[in-house]
C-alpha atoms as a PDB file:
ATOM      1  CA  MET A   1     157.099  33.357-122.432  1.00  0.00           C
ATOM      2  CA  ASP A   2     156.225  33.997-118.754  1.00  0.00           C
ATOM      3  CA  GLY A   3     153.117  36.140-117.436  1.00  0.00           C
ATOM      4  CA  PRO A   4     154.555  39.721-117.447  1.00  0.00           C
ATOM      5  CA  SER A   5     156.075  39.095-120.898  1.00  0.00           C
ATOM      6  CA  GLY A   6     152.821  37.551-122.055  1.00  0.00           C
ATOM      7  CA  ALA A   7     150.946  40.645-120.716  1.00  0.00           C
ATOM      8  CA  LEU A   8     153.229  43.236-122.417  1.00  0.00           C
ATOM      9  CA  LEU A   9     152.873  41.420-125.850  1.00  0.00           C
ATOM     10  CA  ILE A  10     149.020  41.665-125.442  1.00  0.00           C
ATOM     11  CA  VAL A  11     149.359  45.392-124.604  1.00  0.00           C
ATOM     12  CA  ALA A  12     151.659  45.934-127.511  1.00  0.00           C
ATOM     13  CA  ALA A  13     149.327  44.070-129.660  1.00  0.00           C
ATOM     14  CA  MET A  14     146.204  46.218-128.645  1.00  0.00           C
ATOM     15  CA  THR A  15     148.247  49.294-129.063  1.00  0.00           C
ATOM     16  CA  MET A  16     149.146  48.184-132.634  1.00  0.00           C
ATOM     17  CA  VAL A  17     145.639  47.579-133.712  1.00  0.00           C
ATOM     18  CA  THR A  18     144.434  50.971-132.230  1.00  0.00           C
ATOM     19  CA  ASP A  19     147.043  52.570-134.408  1.00  0.00           C
ATOM     20  CA  TRP A  20     146.021  50.818-137.539  1.00  0.00           C
ATOM     21  CA  TRP A  21     142.535  51.831-136.776  1.00  0.00           C
ATOM     22  CA  ALA A  22     143.551  55.410-136.108  1.00  0.00           C
ATOM     23  CA  VAL A  23     145.457  55.590-139.254  1.00  0.00           C
ATOM     24  CA  TRP A  24     142.742  53.900-141.375  1.00  0.00           C
ATOM     25  CA  SER A  25     139.852  56.328-139.950  1.00  0.00           C
ATOM     26  CA  ASP A  26     142.149  59.318-139.987  1.00  0.00           C
ATOM     27  CA  ARG A  27     142.214  59.971-136.247  1.00  0.00           C
ATOM     28  CA  PRO A  28     145.548  61.836-135.762  1.00  0.00           C
ATOM     29  CA  ALA A  29     145.190  62.304-132.021  1.00  0.00           C
ATOM     30  CA  VAL A  30     144.651  58.752-131.511  1.00  0.00           C
ATOM     31  CA  GLU A  31     147.697  57.834-133.831  1.00  0.00           C
ATOM     32  CA  GLN A  32     150.123  60.383-131.844  1.00  0.00           C
ATOM     33  CA  ALA A  33     149.132  58.413-128.534  1.00  0.00           C
ATOM     34  CA  ALA A  34     149.176  54.861-130.030  1.00  0.00           C
ATOM     35  CA  LYS A  35     151.870  54.906-132.252  1.00  0.00           C
ATOM     36  CA  PRO A  36     154.654  55.741-129.675  1.00  0.00           C
ATOM     37  CA  ALA A  37     152.709  53.384-127.108  1.00  0.00           C
ATOM     38  CA  VAL A  38     153.358  50.383-129.373  1.00  0.00           C
ATOM     39  CA  MET A  39     157.342  50.886-129.161  1.00  0.00           C
ATOM     40  CA  VAL A  40     157.165  51.724-125.421  1.00  0.00           C
ATOM     41  CA  ALA A  41     155.473  48.265-125.138  1.00  0.00           C
ATOM     42  CA  LEU A  42     157.840  46.446-127.166  1.00  0.00           C
ATOM     43  CA  ILE A  43     160.789  47.983-125.208  1.00  0.00           C
ATOM     44  CA  ALA A  44     159.281  46.877-121.934  1.00  0.00           C
ATOM     45  CA  LEU A  45     158.904  43.398-123.654  1.00  0.00           C
ATOM     46  CA  ALA A  46     162.492  43.006-124.913  1.00  0.00           C
ATOM     47  CA  LEU A  47     163.514  43.567-121.267  1.00  0.00           C
ATOM     48  CA  THR A  48     161.633  41.094-119.697  1.00  0.00           C
ATOM     49  CA  ILE A  49     161.749  38.219-122.284  1.00  0.00           C
ATOM     50  CA  ASP A  50     164.502  35.494-121.786  1.00  0.00           C
ATOM     51  CA  ALA A  51     166.637  36.352-124.965  1.00  0.00           C
ATOM     52  CA  GLU A  52     169.338  34.089-126.273  1.00  0.00           C
ATOM     53  CA  PRO A  53     171.969  35.168-126.118  1.00  0.00           C
ATOM     54  CA  SER A  54     171.413  37.796-123.572  1.00  0.00           C
ATOM     55  CA  SER A  55     173.944  40.039-124.840  1.00  0.00           C
ATOM     56  CA  VAL A  56     171.702  41.131-127.643  1.00  0.00           C
ATOM     57  CA  VAL A  57     169.168  42.790-125.466  1.00  0.00           C
ATOM     58  CA  PRO A  58     170.821  46.175-125.233  1.00  0.00           C
ATOM     59  CA  TRP A  59     171.037  46.456-129.019  1.00  0.00           C
ATOM     60  CA  ILE A  60     167.385  45.407-129.501  1.00  0.00           C
ATOM     61  CA  VAL A  61     166.344  47.992-126.972  1.00  0.00           C
ATOM     62  CA  ALA A  62     168.528  50.402-128.605  1.00  0.00           C
ATOM     63  CA  ALA A  63     167.039  49.622-131.926  1.00  0.00           C
ATOM     64  CA  LEU A  64     163.491  50.024-130.648  1.00  0.00           C
ATOM     65  CA  ALA A  65     164.321  53.114-128.732  1.00  0.00           C
ATOM     66  CA  CYS A  66     165.381  54.539-132.017  1.00  0.00           C
ATOM     67  CA  GLY A  67     162.570  53.316-133.720  1.00  0.00           C
ATOM     68  CA  LEU A  68     160.366  55.118-131.031  1.00  0.00           C
ATOM     69  CA  VAL A  69     162.498  58.599-132.064  1.00  0.00           C
ATOM     70  CA  GLY A  70     161.844  57.693-135.524  1.00  0.00           C
ATOM     71  CA  ASP A  71     157.905  57.173-135.155  1.00  0.00           C
ATOM     72  CA  VAL A  72     157.474  60.363-133.313  1.00  0.00           C
ATOM     73  CA  ALA A  73     159.451  62.186-136.226  1.00  0.00           C
ATOM     74  CA  LEU A  74     157.309  60.856-138.710  1.00  0.00           C
ATOM     75  CA  LEU A  75     153.763  61.222-137.318  1.00  0.00           C
ATOM     76  CA  PRO A  76     151.966  63.749-139.900  1.00  0.00           C
ATOM     77  CA  THR A  77     151.610  66.266-137.116  1.00  0.00           C
ATOM     78  CA  VAL A  78     155.430  66.384-136.717  1.00  0.00           C
ATOM     79  CA  ASP A  79     156.784  65.519-140.193  1.00  0.00           C
ATOM     80  CA  ARG A  80     160.573  65.588-139.540  1.00  0.00           C
ATOM     81  CA  PHE A  81     161.766  63.155-142.297  1.00  0.00           C
ATOM     82  CA  ILE A  82     165.342  63.790-142.190  1.00  0.00           C
ATOM     83  CA  VAL A  83     165.214  63.054-138.294  1.00  0.00           C
ATOM     84  CA  GLY A  84     163.122  60.055-138.742  1.00  0.00           C
ATOM     85  CA  LEU A  85     165.346  58.763-141.368  1.00  0.00           C
ATOM     86  CA  GLY A  86     168.361  59.257-139.144  1.00  0.00           C
ATOM     87  CA  ALA A  87     166.735  57.479-136.079  1.00  0.00           C
ATOM     88  CA  PHE A  88     165.727  54.585-138.134  1.00  0.00           C
ATOM     89  CA  LEU A  89     169.393  54.218-139.810  1.00  0.00           C
ATOM     90  CA  VAL A  90     170.722  54.160-136.144  1.00  0.00           C
ATOM     91  CA  GLY A  91     168.227  51.746-135.131  1.00  0.00           C
ATOM     92  CA  HIS A  92     169.220  49.589-138.221  1.00  0.00           C
ATOM     93  CA  LEU A  93     172.799  49.668-137.204  1.00  0.00           C
ATOM     94  CA  ALA A  94     171.887  48.324-133.721  1.00  0.00           C
ATOM     95  CA  TYR A  95     169.909  45.501-135.234  1.00  0.00           C
ATOM     96  CA  LEU A  96     172.947  44.725-137.456  1.00  0.00           C
ATOM     97  CA  VAL A  97     175.116  44.267-134.329  1.00  0.00           C
ATOM     98  CA  ALA A  98     172.477  42.006-132.740  1.00  0.00           C
ATOM     99  CA  PHE A  99     172.140  39.741-135.837  1.00  0.00           C
ATOM    100  CA  ILE A 100     175.860  39.696-135.997  1.00  0.00           C
ATOM    101  CA  ILE A 101     175.780  38.264-132.420  1.00  0.00           C
ATOM    102  CA  MET A 102     173.057  35.931-133.123  1.00  0.00           C
ATOM    103  CA  TRP A 103     174.790  34.862-136.516  1.00  0.00           C
ATOM    104  CA  GLU A 104     173.929  31.000-137.358  1.00  0.00           C
ATOM    105  CA  PRO A 105     173.237  30.923-141.069  1.00  0.00           C
ATOM    106  CA  ASN A 106     171.166  28.161-142.514  1.00  0.00           C
ATOM    107  CA  ALA A 107     168.530  28.161-145.572  1.00  0.00           C
ATOM    108  CA  TRP A 108     166.896  31.172-144.225  1.00  0.00           C
ATOM    109  CA  LEU A 109     169.789  33.435-145.271  1.00  0.00           C
ATOM    110  CA  ILE A 110     168.975  32.421-148.923  1.00  0.00           C
ATOM    111  CA  ALA A 111     165.527  33.644-148.295  1.00  0.00           C
ATOM    112  CA  GLY A 112     167.067  36.809-146.953  1.00  0.00           C
ATOM    113  CA  VAL A 113     169.326  37.310-149.959  1.00  0.00           C
ATOM    114  CA  VAL A 114     166.438  36.660-152.362  1.00  0.00           C
ATOM    115  CA  GLY A 115     164.073  38.845-150.644  1.00  0.00           C
ATOM    116  CA  ALA A 116     166.578  41.827-150.114  1.00  0.00           C
ATOM    117  CA  THR A 117     167.318  41.751-153.845  1.00  0.00           C
ATOM    118  CA  ALA A 118     163.386  41.594-154.714  1.00  0.00           C
ATOM    119  CA  LEU A 119     162.903  44.532-152.472  1.00  0.00           C
ATOM    120  CA  LEU A 120     165.644  46.541-153.796  1.00  0.00           C
ATOM    121  CA  THR A 121     164.714  45.998-157.487  1.00  0.00           C
ATOM    122  CA  ALA A 122     160.929  46.770-156.714  1.00  0.00           C
ATOM    123  CA  PHE A 123     161.384  49.737-154.371  1.00  0.00           C
ATOM    124  CA  GLY A 124     164.964  50.522-153.988  1.00  0.00           C
ATOM    125  CA  ILE A 125     165.807  51.273-157.580  1.00  0.00           C
ATOM    126  CA  PRO A 126     162.770  53.458-158.258  1.00  0.00           C
ATOM    127  CA  ILE A 127     163.087  55.503-155.041  1.00  0.00           C
ATOM    128  CA  ILE A 128     166.810  56.213-155.634  1.00  0.00           C
ATOM    129  CA  ARG A 129     165.880  57.507-159.257  1.00  0.00           C
ATOM    130  CA  SER A 130     163.146  59.798-157.771  1.00  0.00           C
ATOM    131  CA  VAL A 131     165.697  61.292-155.312  1.00  0.00           C
ATOM    132  CA  ARG A 132     168.834  61.164-157.254  1.00  0.00           C
ATOM    133  CA  THR A 133     169.031  64.921-157.822  1.00  0.00           C
ATOM    134  CA  SER A 134     167.926  66.268-154.400  1.00  0.00           C
ATOM    135  CA  ARG A 135     169.657  66.941-150.997  1.00  0.00           C
ATOM    136  CA  LEU A 136     168.099  63.482-149.772  1.00  0.00           C
ATOM    137  CA  ALA A 137     169.999  61.241-152.317  1.00  0.00           C
ATOM    138  CA  GLY A 138     172.846  60.489-150.098  1.00  0.00           C
ATOM    139  CA  PRO A 139     171.074  59.802-147.049  1.00  0.00           C
ATOM    140  CA  VAL A 140     168.435  57.477-148.742  1.00  0.00           C
ATOM    141  CA  VAL A 141     171.026  55.653-150.673  1.00  0.00           C
ATOM    142  CA  VAL A 142     172.880  54.875-147.368  1.00  0.00           C
ATOM    143  CA  TYR A 143     169.692  54.009-145.657  1.00  0.00           C
ATOM    144  CA  ILE A 144     168.548  51.472-148.387  1.00  0.00           C
ATOM    145  CA  ALA A 145     171.946  50.126-148.361  1.00  0.00           C
ATOM    146  CA  VAL A 146     171.919  49.432-144.410  1.00  0.00           C
ATOM    147  CA  SER A 147     168.127  48.176-144.714  1.00  0.00           C
ATOM    148  CA  ALA A 148     169.340  45.394-147.224  1.00  0.00           C
ATOM    149  CA  ALA A 149     172.221  44.463-144.795  1.00  0.00           C
ATOM    150  CA  VAL A 150     169.659  44.302-142.206  1.00  0.00           C
ATOM    151  CA  MET A 151     167.563  41.872-144.098  1.00  0.00           C
ATOM    152  CA  VAL A 152     170.370  39.595-144.969  1.00  0.00           C
ATOM    153  CA  THR A 153     171.965  39.759-141.423  1.00  0.00           C
ATOM    154  CA  GLY A 154     168.580  39.027-139.811  1.00  0.00           C
ATOM    155  CA  SER A 155     168.053  36.170-142.112  1.00  0.00           C
ATOM    156  CA  GLY A 156     171.461  34.882-141.337  1.00  0.00           C
ATOM    157  CA  THR A 157     170.546  34.267-137.520  1.00  0.00           C
ATOM    158  CA  GLY A 158     168.893  31.283-138.658  1.00  0.00           C
ATOM    159  CA  ARG A 159     165.732  32.185-136.964  1.00  0.00           C
ATOM    160  CA  TRP A 160     162.604  31.940-139.170  1.00  0.00           C
ATOM    161  CA  LEU A 161     160.871  34.752-137.322  1.00  0.00           C
ATOM    162  CA  ALA A 162     163.752  37.095-137.540  1.00  0.00           C
ATOM    163  CA  ALA A 163     163.870  36.355-141.093  1.00  0.00           C
ATOM    164  CA  VAL A 164     160.150  37.290-141.410  1.00  0.00           C
ATOM    165  CA  GLY A 165     160.513  40.364-139.405  1.00  0.00           C
ATOM    166  CA  VAL A 166     163.559  41.885-141.182  1.00  0.00           C
ATOM    167  CA  LEU A 167     161.668  41.185-144.852  1.00  0.00           C
ATOM    168  CA  ALA A 168     158.551  42.784-143.452  1.00  0.00           C
ATOM    169  CA  PHE A 169     160.731  45.502-142.080  1.00  0.00           C
ATOM    170  CA  GLY A 170     162.337  46.037-145.598  1.00  0.00           C
ATOM    171  CA  LEU A 171     158.669  46.022-147.102  1.00  0.00           C
ATOM    172  CA  SER A 172     157.591  48.459-144.810  1.00  0.00           C
ATOM    173  CA  ASP A 173     160.616  50.907-145.609  1.00  0.00           C
ATOM    174  CA  GLY A 174     159.883  50.149-149.391  1.00  0.00           C
ATOM    175  CA  LEU A 175     156.331  51.214-149.195  1.00  0.00           C
ATOM    176  CA  LEU A 176     156.694  54.161-147.133  1.00  0.00           C
ATOM    177  CA  GLY A 177     159.829  55.460-149.512  1.00  0.00           C
ATOM    178  CA  HIS A 178     157.651  54.629-152.534  1.00  0.00           C
ATOM    179  CA  ASP A 179     154.763  56.479-151.308  1.00  0.00           C
ATOM    180  CA  ARG A 180     156.779  59.545-150.323  1.00  0.00           C
ATOM    181  CA  PHE A 181     159.002  59.657-153.215  1.00  0.00           C
ATOM    182  CA  VAL A 182     157.548  57.713-156.209  1.00  0.00           C
ATOM    183  CA  ALA A 183     153.561  57.656-156.172  1.00  0.00           C
ATOM    184  CA  PRO A 184     151.602  57.659-153.053  1.00  0.00           C
ATOM    185  CA  ARG A 185     148.668  55.096-152.625  1.00  0.00           C
ATOM    186  CA  PRO A 186     145.338  55.474-151.016  1.00  0.00           C
ATOM    187  CA  GLN A 187     145.493  54.173-147.520  1.00  0.00           C
ATOM    188  CA  GLY A 188     149.138  53.449-148.122  1.00  0.00           C
ATOM    189  CA  ARG A 189     150.301  54.297-144.578  1.00  0.00           C
ATOM    190  CA  VAL A 190     148.029  51.601-143.057  1.00  0.00           C
ATOM    191  CA  GLY A 191     150.043  48.956-144.760  1.00  0.00           C
ATOM    192  CA  VAL A 192     153.228  50.626-143.930  1.00  0.00           C
ATOM    193  CA  HIS A 193     152.181  50.521-140.246  1.00  0.00           C
ATOM    194  CA  VAL A 194     151.068  46.836-140.175  1.00  0.00           C
ATOM    195  CA  LEU A 195     154.173  45.632-141.577  1.00  0.00           C
ATOM    196  CA  TYR A 196     156.374  47.816-139.406  1.00  0.00           C
ATOM    197  CA  HIS A 197     154.857  46.639-136.222  1.00  0.00           C
ATOM    198  CA  VAL A 198     154.490  43.022-137.126  1.00  0.00           C
ATOM    199  CA  ALA A 199     158.235  43.401-138.118  1.00  0.00           C
ATOM    200  CA  GLN A 200     159.309  44.946-134.923  1.00  0.00           C
ATOM    201  CA  CYS A 201     157.119  42.449-132.684  1.00  0.00           C
ATOM    202  CA  ALA A 202     158.733  39.439-134.689  1.00  0.00           C
ATOM    203  CA  LEU A 203     162.259  40.731-134.243  1.00  0.00           C
ATOM    204  CA  VAL A 204     161.957  40.951-130.274  1.00  0.00           C
ATOM    205  CA  ILE A 205     160.089  37.553-130.030  1.00  0.00           C
ATOM    206  CA  SER A 206     162.839  36.032-132.205  1.00  0.00           C
ATOM    207  CA  THR A 207     165.468  36.590-129.753  1.00  0.00           C
ATOM    208  CA  THR A 208     163.769  33.959-127.498  1.00  0.00           C
ATOM    209  CA  MET A 209     163.758  31.211-130.410  1.00  0.00           C
ATOM    210  CA  PRO A 210     166.423  28.878-131.441  1.00  0.00           C
ATOM    211  CA  SER A 211     167.926  28.859-134.635  1.00  0.00           C
END
């Protein structure tokens, strides 16, 4: 990773830590600035690194841009859950295209299938049960299905960092959904943010790694 990319990675890391601290210490004004700033830095990073193949870059950037929209929509001061869910769904679809382009399955695919199955069992099923009678049932089920596909295809790239990224993303989604629809946990948002940011960063960097 060259100088500009390394600098952007440091900026992204600093904004991540700032966001985690803001969530932990209940500083919404700081979170409103730091959370979107993370995605802006990651988008800039994705545009400067040497991805392999280079054709995945537009899809990665599109996924990150959707994440930026979703992040803003899910800020406590905004709280537009349907908008956020839709943005992240489109972002997941963009990641699916990127992973299909990078598809080179090896043993990591097995890890992805096992991980996706475990997360669906631990979080997906309880969430679906909780929303089954609400208007959110359809969108939530579709999102969970696409999320599972992302976990499997990301692991199917054969890149260990992509596998770690998609599984961390799935766990973040699972915790967020569980907190919102099943049973909230004290400081649960901190874990969601940490896993989510680690996931997005890992997925960007994974594009530079061989399978």
